[in-house]
C-alpha atoms as a PDB file:
ATOM      1  CA  MET A   1      -0.219   0.099   0.026  1.00  0.00           C
ATOM      2  CA  ARG A   2       1.217   3.648  -0.788  1.00  0.00           C
ATOM      3  CA  ILE A   3       0.098   6.431   1.511  1.00  0.00           C
ATOM      4  CA  ILE A   4       0.692  10.013   1.187  1.00  0.00           C
ATOM      5  CA  HIS A   5       2.048  11.429   4.226  1.00  0.00           C
ATOM      6  CA  LEU A   6       0.148  14.873   5.048  1.00  0.00           C
ATOM      7  CA  GLY A   7       2.963  15.873   7.496  1.00  0.00           C
ATOM      8  CA  PHE A   8      -0.071  17.077  10.031  1.00  0.00           C
ATOM      9  CA  ILE A   9       0.500  15.628  13.501  1.00  0.00           C
ATOM     10  CA  PHE A  10      -2.462  15.870  15.557  1.00  0.00           C
ATOM     11  CA  THR A  11      -1.923  17.731  19.080  1.00  0.00           C
ATOM     12  CA  LEU A  12      -3.057  15.663  22.358  1.00  0.00           C
ATOM     13  CA  PHE A  13      -4.096  16.690  25.472  1.00  0.00           C
ATOM     14  CA  ILE A  14      -2.523  14.265  28.123  1.00  0.00           C
ATOM     15  CA  SER A  15      -2.384  13.994  31.967  1.00  0.00           C
ATOM     16  CA  ALA A  16       0.229  15.256  33.762  1.00  0.00           C
ATOM     17  CA  CYS A  17       1.256  16.926  37.367  1.00  0.00           C
ATOM     18  CA  THR A  18       0.119  15.176  40.635  1.00  0.00           C
ATOM     19  CA  LYS A  19      -0.425  11.422  39.945  1.00  0.00           C
ATOM     20  CA  MET A  20      -2.907   9.747  42.237  1.00  0.00           C
ATOM     21  CA  THR A  21      -3.503   5.984  41.576  1.00  0.00           C
ATOM     22  CA  GLY A  22      -4.143   6.312  37.744  1.00  0.00           C
ATOM     23  CA  MET A  23      -4.991   9.079  35.813  1.00  0.00           C
ATOM     24  CA  ASP A  24      -3.808  12.533  36.390  1.00  0.00           C
ATOM     25  CA  LYS A  25      -4.563  16.377  35.465  1.00  0.00           C
ATOM     26  CA  MET A  26      -4.614  17.280  31.938  1.00  0.00           C
ATOM     27  CA  GLN A  27      -1.684  18.805  30.108  1.00  0.00           C
ATOM     28  CA  SER A  28      -0.962  19.827  26.392  1.00  0.00           C
ATOM     29  CA  GLU A  29       1.304  17.389  24.695  1.00  0.00           C
ATOM     30  CA  PRO A  30       1.981  16.158  20.958  1.00  0.00           C
ATOM     31  CA  LEU A  31       1.368  12.637  19.953  1.00  0.00           C
ATOM     32  CA  PRO A  32       4.483  10.818  19.020  1.00  0.00           C
ATOM     33  CA  GLN A  33       5.791  11.887  15.545  1.00  0.00           C
ATOM     34  CA  SER A  34       6.941   8.033  15.177  1.00  0.00           C
ATOM     35  CA  TRP A  35       5.753   4.952  17.181  1.00  0.00           C
ATOM     36  CA  PRO A  36       7.832   1.735  17.498  1.00  0.00           C
ATOM     37  CA  GLY A  37       9.389   0.583  14.039  1.00  0.00           C
ATOM     38  CA  GLY A  38       9.065   4.102  12.794  1.00  0.00           C
ATOM     39  CA  ALA A  39       5.406   3.725  12.197  1.00  0.00           C
ATOM     40  CA  LYS A  40       3.506   6.766  11.591  1.00  0.00           C
ATOM     41  CA  ALA A  41       0.025   6.083  13.088  1.00  0.00           C
ATOM     42  CA  ALA A  42      -1.137   3.799  15.907  1.00  0.00           C
ATOM     43  CA  ILE A  43      -4.233   1.579  16.905  1.00  0.00           C
ATOM     44  CA  ALA A  44      -5.481  -0.471  19.446  1.00  0.00           C
ATOM     45  CA  LEU A  45      -7.867  -3.193  18.720  1.00  0.00           C
ATOM     46  CA  THR A  46     -10.313  -3.663  21.463  1.00  0.00           C
ATOM     47  CA  TYR A  47     -13.001  -6.501  22.348  1.00  0.00           C
ATOM     48  CA  ASP A  48     -15.921  -5.742  24.847  1.00  0.00           C
ATOM     49  CA  ASP A  49     -18.245  -7.729  27.069  1.00  0.00           C
ATOM     50  CA  SER A  50     -15.933 -10.771  27.713  1.00  0.00           C
ATOM     51  CA  LEU A  51     -17.578 -12.781  24.828  1.00  0.00           C
ATOM     52  CA  ILE A  52     -16.656 -16.616  23.907  1.00  0.00           C
ATOM     53  CA  SER A  53     -16.236 -15.812  20.337  1.00  0.00           C
ATOM     54  CA  GLN A  54     -13.450 -13.584  21.296  1.00  0.00           C
ATOM     55  CA  ILE A  55     -11.726 -16.412  22.894  1.00  0.00           C
ATOM     56  CA  ASN A  56     -12.489 -18.903  20.075  1.00  0.00           C
ATOM     57  CA  ASN A  57     -11.525 -16.632  17.428  1.00  0.00           C
ATOM     58  CA  ALA A  58     -10.001 -13.265  18.222  1.00  0.00           C
ATOM     59  CA  LEU A  59      -7.169 -14.550  20.477  1.00  0.00           C
ATOM     60  CA  PRO A  60      -6.146 -17.275  17.792  1.00  0.00           C
ATOM     61  CA  ALA A  61      -6.411 -14.585  15.084  1.00  0.00           C
ATOM     62  CA  LEU A  62      -4.463 -11.984  17.263  1.00  0.00           C
ATOM     63  CA  LYS A  63      -1.948 -14.812  18.020  1.00  0.00           C
ATOM     64  CA  ALA A  64      -1.133 -15.577  14.588  1.00  0.00           C
ATOM     65  CA  HIS A  65       0.270 -12.003  13.900  1.00  0.00           C
ATOM     66  CA  GLU A  66       1.633 -11.407  17.530  1.00  0.00           C
ATOM     67  CA  PHE A  67      -0.600  -8.707  17.732  1.00  0.00           C
ATOM     68  CA  LYS A  68      -1.504  -7.337  21.411  1.00  0.00           C
ATOM     69  CA  ALA A  69      -5.281  -6.378  22.012  1.00  0.00           C
ATOM     70  CA  THR A  70      -7.192  -4.797  24.672  1.00  0.00           C
ATOM     71  CA  PHE A  71     -10.239  -6.981  26.137  1.00  0.00           C
ATOM     72  CA  TYR A  72     -12.590  -4.934  28.185  1.00  0.00           C
ATOM     73  CA  LEU A  73     -14.134  -7.200  30.513  1.00  0.00           C
ATOM     74  CA  THR A  74     -17.396  -7.200  31.876  1.00  0.00           C
ATOM     75  CA  LEU A  75     -17.045  -9.665  35.399  1.00  0.00           C
ATOM     76  CA  ASP A  76     -20.954 -10.367  35.636  1.00  0.00           C
ATOM     77  CA  THR A  77     -20.878 -12.922  32.680  1.00  0.00           C
ATOM     78  CA  PRO A  78     -19.954 -16.553  31.710  1.00  0.00           C
ATOM     79  CA  GLY A  79     -17.662 -15.713  29.340  1.00  0.00           C
ATOM     80  CA  TYR A  80     -15.701 -14.130  32.236  1.00  0.00           C
ATOM     81  CA  SER A  81     -16.433 -15.998  35.292  1.00  0.00           C
ATOM     82  CA  ASP A  82     -15.966 -19.336  33.421  1.00  0.00           C
ATOM     83  CA  HIS A  83     -12.847 -18.597  31.876  1.00  0.00           C
ATOM     84  CA  LEU A  84     -10.469 -16.955  34.278  1.00  0.00           C
ATOM     85  CA  GLU A  85      -7.516 -19.281  33.212  1.00  0.00           C
ATOM     86  CA  ILE A  86      -7.809 -18.247  29.774  1.00  0.00           C
ATOM     87  CA  TRP A  87      -8.163 -14.396  30.553  1.00  0.00           C
ATOM     88  CA  ARG A  88      -4.891 -14.928  32.803  1.00  0.00           C
ATOM     89  CA  ARG A  89      -3.111 -16.556  29.824  1.00  0.00           C
ATOM     90  CA  ALA A  90      -4.213 -13.792  27.865  1.00  0.00           C
ATOM     91  CA  ALA A  91      -2.592 -11.290  30.138  1.00  0.00           C
ATOM     92  CA  LYS A  92       0.552 -13.351  30.256  1.00  0.00           C
ATOM     93  CA  SER A  93       1.041 -12.991  26.714  1.00  0.00           C
ATOM     94  CA  GLY A  94       0.491  -9.609  26.589  1.00  0.00           C
ATOM     95  CA  HIS A  95      -2.844  -8.519  25.992  1.00  0.00           C
ATOM     96  CA  GLU A  96      -4.553  -5.986  28.636  1.00  0.00           C
ATOM     97  CA  LEU A  97      -7.250  -6.893  30.590  1.00  0.00           C
ATOM     98  CA  GLY A  98      -9.451  -3.652  30.584  1.00  0.00           C
ATOM     99  CA  ASN A  99     -12.032  -2.769  32.763  1.00  0.00           C
ATOM    100  CA  HIS A 100     -15.682  -2.804  31.481  1.00  0.00           C
ATOM    101  CA  THR A 101     -17.551  -2.846  34.878  1.00  0.00           C
ATOM    102  CA  VAL A 102     -18.886  -5.635  36.890  1.00  0.00           C
ATOM    103  CA  SER A 103     -22.491  -5.549  35.420  1.00  0.00           C
ATOM    104  CA  HIS A 104     -22.404  -3.434  32.362  1.00  0.00           C
ATOM    105  CA  PRO A 105     -25.034  -0.786  33.466  1.00  0.00           C
ATOM    106  CA  CYS A 106     -26.395   1.107  30.574  1.00  0.00           C
ATOM    107  CA  GLN A 107     -28.721   4.419  30.323  1.00  0.00           C
ATOM    108  CA  ALA A 108     -32.364   3.055  30.030  1.00  0.00           C
ATOM    109  CA  SER A 109     -33.685   6.384  29.066  1.00  0.00           C
ATOM    110  CA  LEU A 110     -31.989   6.459  26.049  1.00  0.00           C
ATOM    111  CA  SER A 111     -33.923   5.381  22.647  1.00  0.00           C
ATOM    112  CA  GLY A 112     -33.781   1.779  21.807  1.00  0.00           C
ATOM    113  CA  ARG A 113     -32.776   0.764  25.589  1.00  0.00           C
ATOM    114  CA  GLU A 114     -35.724  -0.911  26.444  1.00  0.00           C
ATOM    115  CA  TRP A 115     -33.683  -4.078  27.130  1.00  0.00           C
ATOM    116  CA  VAL A 116     -31.834  -2.340  30.119  1.00  0.00           C
ATOM    117  CA  THR A 117     -32.828  -3.642  33.273  1.00  0.00           C
ATOM    118  CA  LYS A 118     -33.731  -1.627  36.386  1.00  0.00           C
ATOM    119  CA  ASP A 119     -30.700  -3.078  38.635  1.00  0.00           C
ATOM    120  CA  LYS A 120     -28.627  -1.967  35.577  1.00  0.00           C
ATOM    121  CA  ASP A 121     -30.112   1.188  34.799  1.00  0.00           C
ATOM    122  CA  LEU A 122     -26.950   3.906  34.842  1.00  0.00           C
ATOM    123  CA  ASP A 123     -29.711   6.337  35.160  1.00  0.00           C
ATOM    124  CA  LEU A 124     -30.191   4.867  38.813  1.00  0.00           C
ATOM    125  CA  TYR A 125     -26.523   4.867  39.566  1.00  0.00           C
ATOM    126  CA  SER A 126     -25.028   7.145  41.774  1.00  0.00           C
ATOM    127  CA  LEU A 127     -21.284   8.387  41.218  1.00  0.00           C
ATOM    128  CA  ASP A 128     -20.193   6.221  44.280  1.00  0.00           C
ATOM    129  CA  ARG A 129     -21.937   3.233  42.848  1.00  0.00           C
ATOM    130  CA  ILE A 130     -19.960   3.127  39.250  1.00  0.00           C
ATOM    131  CA  ALA A 131     -16.842   4.056  41.182  1.00  0.00           C
ATOM    132  CA  ALA A 132     -17.011   1.523  43.355  1.00  0.00           C
ATOM    133  CA  GLU A 133     -18.053  -1.040  40.353  1.00  0.00           C
ATOM    134  CA  ILE A 134     -14.830   0.118  38.702  1.00  0.00           C
ATOM    135  CA  LYS A 135     -12.612  -0.508  41.468  1.00  0.00           C
ATOM    136  CA  ALA A 136     -14.079  -3.784  42.394  1.00  0.00           C
ATOM    137  CA  VAL A 137     -13.252  -4.988  38.633  1.00  0.00           C
ATOM    138  CA  ASN A 138      -9.721  -3.110  38.900  1.00  0.00           C
ATOM    139  CA  LYS A 139      -9.205  -5.734  41.902  1.00  0.00           C
ATOM    140  CA  ALA A 140     -10.538  -8.701  40.379  1.00  0.00           C
ATOM    141  CA  LEU A 141      -8.241  -8.270  37.250  1.00  0.00           C
ATOM    142  CA  ASN A 142      -5.321  -7.690  39.475  1.00  0.00           C
ATOM    143  CA  ARG A 143      -5.632 -11.053  40.665  1.00  0.00           C
ATOM    144  CA  LEU A 144      -5.489 -12.360  37.325  1.00  0.00           C
ATOM    145  CA  ASP A 145      -2.692  -9.939  35.735  1.00  0.00           C
ATOM    146  CA  GLY A 146      -1.012  -8.559  39.014  1.00  0.00           C
ATOM    147  CA  LEU A 147      -1.304  -5.370  37.621  1.00  0.00           C
ATOM    148  CA  THR A 148      -2.276  -1.681  39.132  1.00  0.00           C
ATOM    149  CA  GLU A 149      -3.123   0.324  36.212  1.00  0.00           C
ATOM    150  CA  ARG A 150      -5.289  -0.294  33.123  1.00  0.00           C
ATOM    151  CA  SER A 151      -7.785   1.517  30.740  1.00  0.00           C
ATOM    152  CA  TYR A 152     -11.408   1.614  30.943  1.00  0.00           C
ATOM    153  CA  ALA A 153     -14.102   1.243  28.401  1.00  0.00           C
ATOM    154  CA  TYR A 154     -17.716   3.159  28.781  1.00  0.00           C
ATOM    155  CA  THR A 155     -20.534   0.674  28.914  1.00  0.00           C
ATOM    156  CA  CYS A 156     -22.589   1.479  26.041  1.00  0.00           C
ATOM    157  CA  GLY A 157     -20.544   4.485  25.480  1.00  0.00           C
ATOM    158  CA  ASP A 158     -22.495   6.418  28.244  1.00  0.00           C
ATOM    159  CA  PHE A 159     -20.708   8.731  30.229  1.00  0.00           C
ATOM    160  CA  LEU A 160     -23.708   9.997  32.811  1.00  0.00           C
ATOM    161  CA  ALA A 161     -24.359   8.043  36.281  1.00  0.00           C
ATOM    162  CA  GLY A 162     -27.817   9.497  37.971  1.00  0.00           C
ATOM    163  CA  GLY A 163     -27.641  12.097  34.983  1.00  0.00           C
ATOM    164  CA  VAL A 164     -24.190  13.281  36.073  1.00  0.00           C
ATOM    165  CA  ASP A 165     -20.655  12.760  33.956  1.00  0.00           C
ATOM    166  CA  TYR A 166     -19.089  10.429  36.362  1.00  0.00           C
ATOM    167  CA  THR A 167     -15.565  10.947  34.386  1.00  0.00           C
ATOM    168  CA  ASP A 168     -13.765  12.818  36.928  1.00  0.00           C
ATOM    169  CA  SER A 169     -15.099  10.597  39.775  1.00  0.00           C
ATOM    170  CA  ILE A 170     -12.941   7.456  38.008  1.00  0.00           C
ATOM    171  CA  ARG A 171     -10.072   9.458  36.732  1.00  0.00           C
ATOM    172  CA  SER A 172      -7.683   8.602  39.357  1.00  0.00           C
ATOM    173  CA  LEU A 173      -8.853   4.888  39.185  1.00  0.00           C
ATOM    174  CA  VAL A 174      -7.958   4.046  35.222  1.00  0.00           C
ATOM    175  CA  SER A 175      -5.355   5.005  33.199  1.00  0.00           C
ATOM    176  CA  GLY A 176      -7.691   6.188  30.309  1.00  0.00           C
ATOM    177  CA  ALA A 177     -10.869   5.495  28.754  1.00  0.00           C
ATOM    178  CA  ARG A 178     -12.026   4.500  25.498  1.00  0.00           C
ATOM    179  CA  THR A 179     -15.567   5.882  24.537  1.00  0.00           C
ATOM    180  CA  VAL A 180     -17.539   5.145  21.325  1.00  0.00           C
ATOM    181  CA  ASN A 181     -17.289   7.535  18.737  1.00  0.00           C
ATOM    182  CA  ASP A 182     -20.458   9.492  16.961  1.00  0.00           C
ATOM    183  CA  ASP A 183     -17.676  10.401  14.002  1.00  0.00           C
ATOM    184  CA  PRO A 184     -17.607   7.508  11.749  1.00  0.00           C
ATOM    185  CA  GLN A 185     -14.159   8.457  11.397  1.00  0.00           C
ATOM    186  CA  GLY A 186     -13.244   8.420  14.783  1.00  0.00           C
ATOM    187  CA  LEU A 187     -10.104  10.374  14.409  1.00  0.00           C
ATOM    188  CA  LEU A 188      -8.289  12.415  17.054  1.00  0.00           C
ATOM    189  CA  LYS A 189      -9.140  15.964  17.254  1.00  0.00           C
ATOM    190  CA  GLU A 190      -6.681  18.775  18.400  1.00  0.00           C
ATOM    191  CA  LYS A 191      -7.790  18.540  21.625  1.00  0.00           C
ATOM    192  CA  PHE A 192      -8.228  15.070  23.324  1.00  0.00           C
ATOM    193  CA  ASP A 193      -8.775  13.878  27.011  1.00  0.00           C
ATOM    194  CA  LEU A 194      -7.478  10.358  27.386  1.00  0.00           C
ATOM    195  CA  MET A 195     -10.796   9.813  29.466  1.00  0.00           C
ATOM    196  CA  ARG A 196     -12.277  10.348  25.905  1.00  0.00           C
ATOM    197  CA  ILE A 197     -10.245   7.939  23.608  1.00  0.00           C
ATOM    198  CA  PRO A 198     -11.643   8.028  20.144  1.00  0.00           C
ATOM    199  CA  SER A 199     -13.138   4.679  18.693  1.00  0.00           C
ATOM    200  CA  LEU A 200     -14.613   3.094  15.468  1.00  0.00           C
ATOM    201  CA  ALA A 201     -17.324   0.807  16.520  1.00  0.00           C
ATOM    202  CA  VAL A 202     -18.203  -2.178  14.352  1.00  0.00           C
ATOM    203  CA  ASN A 203     -21.225  -4.062  13.679  1.00  0.00           C
ATOM    204  CA  GLU A 204     -21.438  -6.505  10.634  1.00  0.00           C
ATOM    205  CA  THR A 205     -18.692  -3.951   9.072  1.00  0.00           C
ATOM    206  CA  SER A 206     -16.930  -5.203   6.034  1.00  0.00           C
ATOM    207  CA  ALA A 207     -12.934  -5.603   5.971  1.00  0.00           C
ATOM    208  CA  ASN A 208     -12.781  -2.893   3.454  1.00  0.00           C
ATOM    209  CA  SER A 209     -14.726  -0.360   5.765  1.00  0.00           C
ATOM    210  CA  MET A 210     -12.235  -1.210   8.610  1.00  0.00           C
ATOM    211  CA  ILE A 211      -9.123  -0.889   6.443  1.00  0.00           C
ATOM    212  CA  ALA A 212     -10.291   2.419   4.889  1.00  0.00           C
ATOM    213  CA  TYR A 213     -10.215   3.775   8.723  1.00  0.00           C
ATOM    214  CA  VAL A 214      -6.759   2.362   9.154  1.00  0.00           C
ATOM    215  CA  ASP A 215      -5.818   4.450   6.040  1.00  0.00           C
ATOM    216  CA  ARG A 216      -7.357   7.277   7.536  1.00  0.00           C
ATOM    217  CA  LEU A 217      -4.986   6.873  10.626  1.00  0.00           C
ATOM    218  CA  ILE A 218      -2.199   6.568   8.654  1.00  0.00           C
ATOM    219  CA  SER A 219      -2.827   9.659   6.361  1.00  0.00           C
ATOM    220  CA  GLN A 220      -3.248  11.587   9.099  1.00  0.00           C
ATOM    221  CA  SER A 221      -0.449  10.599  11.177  1.00  0.00           C
ATOM    222  CA  THR A 222      -2.670   9.911  14.440  1.00  0.00           C
ATOM    223  CA  LEU A 223      -4.177   7.394  16.777  1.00  0.00           C
ATOM    224  CA  GLY A 224      -7.212   5.465  16.894  1.00  0.00           C
ATOM    225  CA  THR A 225      -9.159   2.361  18.131  1.00  0.00           C
ATOM    226  CA  ILE A 226     -11.548  -0.010  17.162  1.00  0.00           C
ATOM    227  CA  THR A 227     -14.514  -1.402  19.616  1.00  0.00           C
ATOM    228  CA  PHE A 228     -15.247  -4.935  18.358  1.00  0.00           C
ATOM    229  CA  HIS A 229     -17.744  -7.265  20.295  1.00  0.00           C
ATOM    230  CA  GLY A 230     -18.568 -10.532  18.765  1.00  0.00           C
ATOM    231  CA  ILE A 231     -15.954 -12.162  16.348  1.00  0.00           C
ATOM    232  CA  GLY A 232     -18.004 -14.734  13.901  1.00  0.00           C
ATOM    233  CA  GLY A 233     -20.419 -14.819  16.648  1.00  0.00           C
ATOM    234  CA  ASP A 234     -22.356 -13.788  19.536  1.00  0.00           C
ATOM    235  CA  HIS A 235     -23.690  -9.747  19.333  1.00  0.00           C
ATOM    236  CA  LEU A 236     -22.690  -6.862  17.380  1.00  0.00           C
ATOM    237  CA  SER A 237     -20.591  -9.099  15.460  1.00  0.00           C
ATOM    238  CA  VAL A 238     -18.111  -8.742  13.033  1.00  0.00           C
ATOM    239  CA  SER A 239     -17.230 -11.962  10.512  1.00  0.00           C
ATOM    240  CA  HIS A 240     -14.241 -14.255  11.581  1.00  0.00           C
ATOM    241  CA  GLU A 241     -13.147 -13.337   7.407  1.00  0.00           C
ATOM    242  CA  ASP A 242     -13.686  -9.844   7.621  1.00  0.00           C
ATOM    243  CA  HIS A 243     -11.425  -9.669  11.408  1.00  0.00           C
ATOM    244  CA  LYS A 244      -8.912 -11.738   9.515  1.00  0.00           C
ATOM    245  CA  ALA A 245      -8.453  -9.527   6.677  1.00  0.00           C
ATOM    246  CA  LEU A 246      -8.153  -6.594   8.852  1.00  0.00           C
ATOM    247  CA  LEU A 247      -5.305  -8.135  10.730  1.00  0.00           C
ATOM    248  CA  ASP A 248      -3.663  -9.484   7.547  1.00  0.00           C
ATOM    249  CA  TYR A 249      -3.908  -5.870   6.377  1.00  0.00           C
ATOM    250  CA  LEU A 250      -2.056  -4.199   9.782  1.00  0.00           C
ATOM    251  CA  ASN A 251       0.578  -7.071   9.411  1.00  0.00           C
ATOM    252  CA  GLU A 252       1.318  -6.127   5.807  1.00  0.00           C
ATOM    253  CA  ASN A 253       1.779  -2.327   6.978  1.00  0.00           C
ATOM    254  CA  ARG A 254       3.530  -2.505  10.008  1.00  0.00           C
ATOM    255  CA  ASP A 255       6.100  -0.144   8.947  1.00  0.00           C
ATOM    256  CA  LEU A 256       3.144   2.671   8.744  1.00  0.00           C
ATOM    257  CA  ILE A 257       0.787   1.595  11.844  1.00  0.00           C
ATOM    258  CA  TYR A 258       1.913   0.047  14.780  1.00  0.00           C
ATOM    259  CA  VAL A 259      -0.693  -2.043  16.423  1.00  0.00           C
ATOM    260  CA  ASP A 260      -0.828  -2.490  20.477  1.00  0.00           C
ATOM    261  CA  SER A 261      -3.255  -2.393  23.491  1.00  0.00           C
ATOM    262  CA  VAL A 262      -4.449   0.646  24.723  1.00  0.00           C
ATOM    263  CA  GLN A 263      -2.608   0.649  27.807  1.00  0.00           C
ATOM    264  CA  ASN A 264       0.917  -0.075  26.166  1.00  0.00           C
ATOM    265  CA  LEU A 265      -0.041   3.246  23.580  1.00  0.00           C
ATOM    266  CA  LEU A 266      -0.758   5.333  26.793  1.00  0.00           C
ATOM    267  CA  GLU A 267       2.401   4.352  28.208  1.00  0.00           C
ATOM    268  CA  ILE A 268       4.257   5.445  24.858  1.00  0.00           C
ATOM    269  CA  ILE A 269       2.669   8.795  24.887  1.00  0.00           C
ATOM    270  CA  ARG A 270       3.258   9.435  28.507  1.00  0.00           C
ATOM    271  CA  GLU A 271       6.975   8.327  28.269  1.00  0.00           C
ATOM    272  CA  GLN A 272       7.559  10.598  25.235  1.00  0.00           C
ATOM    273  CA  ALA A 273       5.763  13.453  27.340  1.00  0.00           C
ATOM    274  CA  SER A 274       8.002  12.741  30.318  1.00  0.00           C
ATOM    275  CA  ARG A 275      11.215  12.940  28.239  1.00  0.00           C
ATOM    276  CA  ALA A 276      10.246  16.334  26.452  1.00  0.00           C
ATOM    277  CA  ASP A 277       9.637  17.794  29.921  1.00  0.00           C
ATOM    278  CA  SER A 278      13.011  16.806  31.150  1.00  0.00           C
ATOM    279  CA  ILE A 279      14.710  18.302  28.075  1.00  0.00           C
ATOM    280  CA  HIS A 280      12.834  21.514  28.563  1.00  0.00           C
END
């Protein structure tokens, strides 16, 4: 593939200053001008909801190309509770076990949310309740991977608990947070909060459409993520063949786009920011 490099580097607003147990206060920093291997762009492949098809199809496909990804695990699912050893091995092999709450609460008040039960209605949550749920997942996943820092994915892309934006309530609990973009391109804008990591959410999406998103990341020298759920099964599914075609394309273009977990990409960004601060 031949990509015309536009020479335009997006500016990223990231956290710095006083560190608590995770996320810090915001500070303006540029994205890396090159990623490991000299790549001009980066992408994180993310998989939500602890689904069996991810175990059966996504993990082997990623292993074939030695790609590391982020699996946003929801604890109150058989895909998590019945397969702890598989997730432990996934973490040991380099995948990130991300935080996706205990019970996957969503806002029942939004259109098309008739399926949200009262006990999982984010509109009825308090800020303390959602923070407690995220803390509980951090502790559970720590028992699997031994790590104290990990990223978070908003359930259903919802930011409100009891009608209040809960982002600041969890900023110290996670290293960053992936959302689901209304913007179909899902590209970083000039100002960017690591608690609003953009993503292209896919559902029966073709390999060509996902590859077009990758091409946009490369042409604009930026960073993005893709939100998967089912791979060849389960809900909001992408076919195993389209998923494999995307991975094949990323593998063929490693010199242009770097693939890693959300947590590892955040660490690269912060490391560069730290080096730049020390120089100045």
